Amino acid sequence: MNGRERILAALRGEPVDRVPVMLHNFLMAAREAGVSMAEFRRSGRAIARSFIQAVETYGYDGVLVDVDTVMLAGAVGVPVDFPVDMPARSHEPLLTRLADVPKLKPVRIEDYFEIRAAVEAVSLLKEFFKGDIAVRGNCDQCPFSLAGLIRGLAGWMTDLIEGPEELVHELLEYAMGVTKQFLGLMAEAGADILSSGVLALGTPALVEKKTRELLEVFAGTSRFILNAGCAIPAETPSENLRAMIRARG
């Protein structure tokens, strides 16, 4: 089996010849390739070169393409700092009041330099490895966390308690649209694996299918507790949750 086959088989719960390895290692990969974060975040070729060297050095089965955890936030206008040799970071919100959510403007995130670099890197990695290595287009800012960066975490936590509820939902819808844009770009670039919520964004049929696959993976143990991969978004369709629970039998 090659790395891509090994990882995809493991995700389906099928036998593999050895345990697959795919690490969240963009910081180490860049440093070992002699690439600063300033270059890494602006160049798809630098990103691809860093991961290619990491795979050739350590023998990974897949690469997780990531730039930093404020990439989508920066794309929608959240103020971001860009240290030369550290990941980007955000210290202040885009919105200081929940009441300003209706003023948020639609964005084309593919115009943002970090998004362009990440998308280019996925395409280059797919071209270089020609199906031998799995490529995951990582999305660290799913709707809830992205909303928190737009409002600032303290403000966002207060918003969830004090509302108004319709503005909380409006901000989550806005953030979901941005996340969907990113996942679409990663899919178009050829990523084998995308990170976002099947439970929140999939159909009931897909949720049931993925739940059954998960149950098959852990069929040999009585210690498995069925759950989503992380916090379940507030906008998750109730029929999807019912489909997940129904699939357990």
Protein backbone atom coordinates (compact mmCIF):
# COMPACT_ATOMS: atom_id res chain seq x y z
CA MET A 1 0.00 0.00 0.00
CA ASN A 2 1.16 3.54 -0.61
CA GLY A 3 0.59 6.31 1.92
CA ARG A 4 -2.63 7.60 0.37
CA GLU A 5 -4.12 4.11 0.16
CA ARG A 6 -3.08 3.42 3.75
CA ILE A 7 -4.72 6.56 5.15
CA LEU A 8 -7.93 6.26 3.15
CA ALA A 9 -8.25 2.59 4.10
CA ALA A 10 -7.82 3.46 7.77
CA LEU A 11 -10.53 6.13 7.49
CA ARG A 12 -12.86 3.49 6.04
CA GLY A 13 -11.99 1.06 8.82
CA GLU A 14 -10.30 -1.37 6.44
CA PRO A 15 -7.12 -3.37 7.19
CA VAL A 16 -3.79 -1.65 6.56
CA ASP A 17 -0.30 -3.07 6.24
CA ARG A 18 0.99 -0.70 8.92
CA VAL A 19 -0.28 2.22 10.99
CA PRO A 20 -0.44 5.32 8.77
CA VAL A 21 1.23 8.57 9.82
CA MET A 22 0.07 12.11 9.03
CA LEU A 23 1.28 14.87 11.34
CA HIS A 24 0.20 18.47 11.94
CA ASN A 25 3.79 19.59 11.49
CA PHE A 26 3.89 22.70 9.33
CA LEU A 27 6.12 24.60 11.78
CA MET A 28 8.77 21.88 11.93
CA ALA A 29 8.54 21.18 8.19
CA ALA A 30 9.13 24.84 7.34
CA ARG A 31 12.05 25.22 9.73
CA GLU A 32 13.80 22.07 8.52
CA ALA A 33 13.37 23.26 4.92
CA GLY A 34 14.90 26.63 5.80
CA VAL A 35 11.64 28.46 5.11
CA SER A 36 10.59 31.35 7.35
CA MET A 37 6.95 31.79 8.29
CA ALA A 38 6.99 35.04 6.31
CA GLU A 39 7.84 33.08 3.15
CA PHE A 40 5.72 30.06 4.05
CA ARG A 41 2.47 32.00 4.37
CA ARG A 42 2.94 33.78 1.04
CA SER A 43 4.28 31.05 -1.23
CA GLY A 44 2.51 27.87 -2.21
CA ARG A 45 5.81 26.63 -3.61
CA ALA A 46 7.54 27.17 -0.28
CA ILE A 47 4.76 25.30 1.52
CA ALA A 48 4.92 22.41 -0.94
CA ARG A 49 8.73 22.27 -0.78
CA SER A 50 8.61 22.12 3.02
CA PHE A 51 6.17 19.22 3.08
CA ILE A 52 7.90 17.34 0.27
CA GLN A 53 11.16 17.44 2.24
CA ALA A 54 9.35 16.30 5.40
CA VAL A 55 7.80 13.33 3.61
CA GLU A 56 11.10 12.36 2.03
CA THR A 57 12.92 12.70 5.35
CA TYR A 58 10.49 10.90 7.66
CA GLY A 59 8.31 8.77 5.41
CA TYR A 60 4.89 10.21 6.25
CA ASP A 61 1.85 8.70 4.59
CA GLY A 62 0.12 12.05 4.24
CA VAL A 63 0.61 15.77 4.69
CA LEU A 64 -1.71 18.16 6.50
CA VAL A 65 -1.49 21.51 4.72
CA ASP A 66 -1.86 24.31 7.23
CA VAL A 67 -0.61 27.89 7.38
CA ASP A 68 -1.88 29.18 10.74
CA THR A 69 -5.03 29.33 12.85
CA VAL A 70 -6.11 32.84 11.85
CA MET A 71 -6.01 32.40 8.08
CA LEU A 72 -9.77 32.62 7.53
CA ALA A 73 -10.05 35.37 10.12
CA GLY A 74 -7.53 37.44 8.20
CA ALA A 75 -9.42 36.75 4.98
CA VAL A 76 -12.57 38.38 6.37
CA GLY A 77 -10.73 41.39 7.75
CA VAL A 78 -9.83 40.52 11.34
CA PRO A 79 -6.64 42.44 12.28
CA VAL A 80 -3.71 40.01 12.16
CA ASP A 81 -0.02 40.24 13.09
CA PHE A 82 2.50 38.46 10.90
CA PRO A 83 5.75 37.63 12.76
CA VAL A 84 8.63 36.74 10.47
CA ASP A 85 9.28 33.34 12.02
CA MET A 86 6.13 32.52 13.96
CA PRO A 87 2.55 31.76 12.88
CA ALA A 88 0.23 34.72 12.36
CA ARG A 89 -1.89 35.76 15.32
CA SER A 90 -4.83 37.99 16.16
CA HIS A 91 -5.19 40.12 19.29
CA GLU A 92 -8.29 42.18 18.54
CA PRO A 93 -11.68 41.54 16.98
CA LEU A 94 -13.10 42.79 13.73
CA LEU A 95 -16.40 43.66 15.43
CA THR A 96 -16.54 45.34 18.83
CA ARG A 97 -20.34 45.00 18.98
CA LEU A 98 -22.61 42.13 18.02
CA ALA A 99 -24.98 44.79 16.68
CA ASP A 100 -22.51 45.36 13.83
CA VAL A 101 -22.90 41.85 12.40
CA PRO A 102 -25.29 43.07 9.65
CA LYS A 103 -22.48 45.35 8.43
CA LEU A 104 -20.22 42.40 7.58
CA LYS A 105 -19.48 42.39 3.86
CA PRO A 106 -19.32 39.31 1.63
CA VAL A 107 -15.76 38.25 0.86
CA ARG A 108 -14.00 36.21 -1.81
CA ILE A 109 -11.49 34.42 0.35
CA GLU A 110 -9.48 33.20 -2.64
CA ASP A 111 -8.25 36.78 -3.01
CA TYR A 112 -6.46 36.57 0.37
CA PHE A 113 -2.74 35.84 0.05
CA GLU A 114 -2.60 33.02 2.62
CA ILE A 115 -5.57 31.26 1.04
CA ARG A 116 -3.98 31.50 -2.40
CA ALA A 117 -0.74 30.03 -1.03
CA ALA A 118 -2.52 27.13 0.71
CA VAL A 119 -4.58 26.28 -2.38
CA GLU A 120 -1.51 26.42 -4.62
CA ALA A 121 0.38 24.17 -2.19
CA VAL A 122 -2.32 21.50 -2.29
CA SER A 123 -2.27 21.50 -6.10
CA LEU A 124 1.53 21.27 -6.19
CA LEU A 125 1.64 18.46 -3.64
CA LYS A 126 -0.98 16.46 -5.53
CA GLU A 127 1.00 16.94 -8.73
CA PHE A 128 4.31 15.98 -7.12
CA PHE A 129 3.20 12.87 -5.24
CA LYS A 130 0.85 11.63 -7.98
CA GLY A 131 -1.44 9.77 -5.62
CA ASP A 132 1.28 8.17 -3.46
CA ILE A 133 0.68 10.46 -0.46
CA ALA A 134 -2.63 11.68 1.01
CA VAL A 135 -3.07 15.45 1.11
CA ARG A 136 -5.37 17.04 3.67
CA GLY A 137 -6.53 20.62 3.24
CA ASN A 138 -6.78 21.75 6.83
CA CYS A 139 -9.51 24.11 8.02
CA ASP A 140 -8.79 25.16 11.58
CA GLN A 141 -11.36 27.94 11.62
CA CYS A 142 -14.74 26.28 11.40
CA PRO A 143 -17.81 28.50 11.96
CA PHE A 144 -17.86 28.67 15.75
CA SER A 145 -14.16 29.45 16.21
CA LEU A 146 -14.16 31.84 13.26
CA ALA A 147 -17.09 33.73 14.79
CA GLY A 148 -15.07 33.95 18.00
CA LEU A 149 -12.15 35.53 16.15
CA ILE A 150 -14.43 37.99 14.37
CA ARG A 151 -16.01 39.12 17.65
CA GLY A 152 -13.11 38.39 20.00
CA LEU A 153 -13.43 35.42 22.31
CA ALA A 154 -14.58 37.36 25.36
CA GLY A 155 -17.20 39.23 23.38
CA TRP A 156 -18.34 36.05 21.64
CA MET A 157 -18.82 34.20 24.93
CA THR A 158 -20.92 37.09 26.21
CA ASP A 159 -22.92 37.17 22.99
CA LEU A 160 -23.85 33.52 23.40
CA ILE A 161 -25.38 34.29 26.77
CA GLU A 162 -26.88 37.71 26.19
CA GLY A 163 -27.70 37.65 22.47
CA PRO A 164 -29.70 38.81 20.62
CA GLU A 165 -30.03 35.26 19.40
CA GLU A 166 -30.83 36.24 15.82
CA LEU A 167 -27.53 38.14 15.54
CA VAL A 168 -25.60 35.21 17.01
CA HIS A 169 -27.13 33.00 14.33
CA GLU A 170 -26.40 35.58 11.65
CA LEU A 171 -22.72 35.66 12.61
CA LEU A 172 -22.55 31.86 12.59
CA GLU A 173 -24.17 31.78 9.14
CA TYR A 174 -21.63 34.30 7.88
CA ALA A 175 -18.75 32.27 9.32
CA MET A 176 -20.19 29.06 7.87
CA GLY A 177 -20.27 30.62 4.41
CA VAL A 178 -16.59 31.52 4.70
CA THR A 179 -15.69 28.01 5.88
CA LYS A 180 -17.62 26.48 2.99
CA GLN A 181 -15.71 28.68 0.56
CA PHE A 182 -12.41 27.40 1.93
CA LEU A 183 -13.44 23.76 1.83
CA GLY A 184 -14.63 24.22 -1.74
CA LEU A 185 -11.28 25.68 -2.75
CA MET A 186 -9.42 22.80 -1.11
CA ALA A 187 -11.64 20.28 -2.88
CA GLU A 188 -11.08 21.96 -6.24
CA ALA A 189 -7.33 21.89 -5.63
CA GLY A 190 -7.54 18.10 -5.21
CA ALA A 191 -7.23 17.59 -1.45
CA ASP A 192 -7.96 13.98 -0.51
CA ILE A 193 -9.27 14.89 2.95
CA LEU A 194 -11.10 17.96 4.18
CA SER A 195 -11.62 18.98 7.80
CA SER A 196 -15.19 20.39 8.63
CA GLY A 197 -18.34 18.87 10.00
CA VAL A 198 -20.18 16.03 8.27
CA LEU A 199 -22.69 16.30 11.10
CA ALA A 200 -23.30 20.01 10.56
CA LEU A 201 -23.00 20.27 6.78
CA GLY A 202 -23.75 16.79 5.39
CA THR A 203 -27.00 15.08 4.50
CA PRO A 204 -28.67 12.61 6.89
CA ALA A 205 -27.64 9.81 4.52
CA LEU A 206 -23.99 10.87 4.65
CA VAL A 207 -24.10 11.20 8.44
CA GLU A 208 -25.53 7.70 8.76
CA LYS A 209 -22.93 6.29 6.35
CA LYS A 210 -20.01 7.89 8.18
CA THR A 211 -21.39 6.83 11.56
CA ARG A 212 -21.61 3.21 10.42
CA GLU A 213 -18.04 3.39 9.14
CA LEU A 214 -16.92 4.67 12.54
CA LEU A 215 -18.80 1.90 14.33
CA GLU A 216 -17.09 -0.69 12.13
CA VAL A 217 -13.66 0.70 13.05
CA PHE A 218 -14.37 0.16 16.75
CA ALA A 219 -16.44 -3.00 16.44
CA GLY A 220 -13.86 -4.99 18.36
CA THR A 221 -14.09 -2.99 21.59
CA SER A 222 -16.82 -2.40 24.15
CA ARG A 223 -15.18 0.86 25.30
CA PHE A 224 -16.26 3.02 22.37
CA ILE A 225 -18.61 5.96 23.00
CA LEU A 226 -20.16 7.51 19.90
CA ASN A 227 -19.63 11.26 19.60
CA ALA A 228 -18.89 13.96 17.04
CA GLY A 229 -15.25 14.87 16.45
CA CYS A 230 -15.59 18.15 18.32
CA ALA A 231 -18.28 20.56 19.56
CA ILE A 232 -21.50 20.20 17.56
CA PRO A 233 -22.34 23.53 15.86
CA ALA A 234 -25.55 25.22 16.94
CA GLU A 235 -26.89 25.19 13.38
CA THR A 236 -26.56 21.40 12.99
CA PRO A 237 -29.80 20.02 11.47
CA SER A 238 -31.69 17.94 14.00
CA GLU A 239 -32.33 15.25 11.38
CA ASN A 240 -28.55 14.77 11.08
CA LEU A 241 -28.21 14.19 14.80
CA ARG A 242 -31.10 11.71 14.66
CA ALA A 243 -29.40 9.93 11.75
CA MET A 244 -26.19 9.55 13.76
CA ILE A 245 -27.98 8.12 16.77
CA ARG A 246 -30.20 5.90 14.64
CA ALA A 247 -27.15 4.39 12.92
CA ARG A 248 -25.83 2.92 16.16
CA GLY A 249 -28.61 0.34 16.04
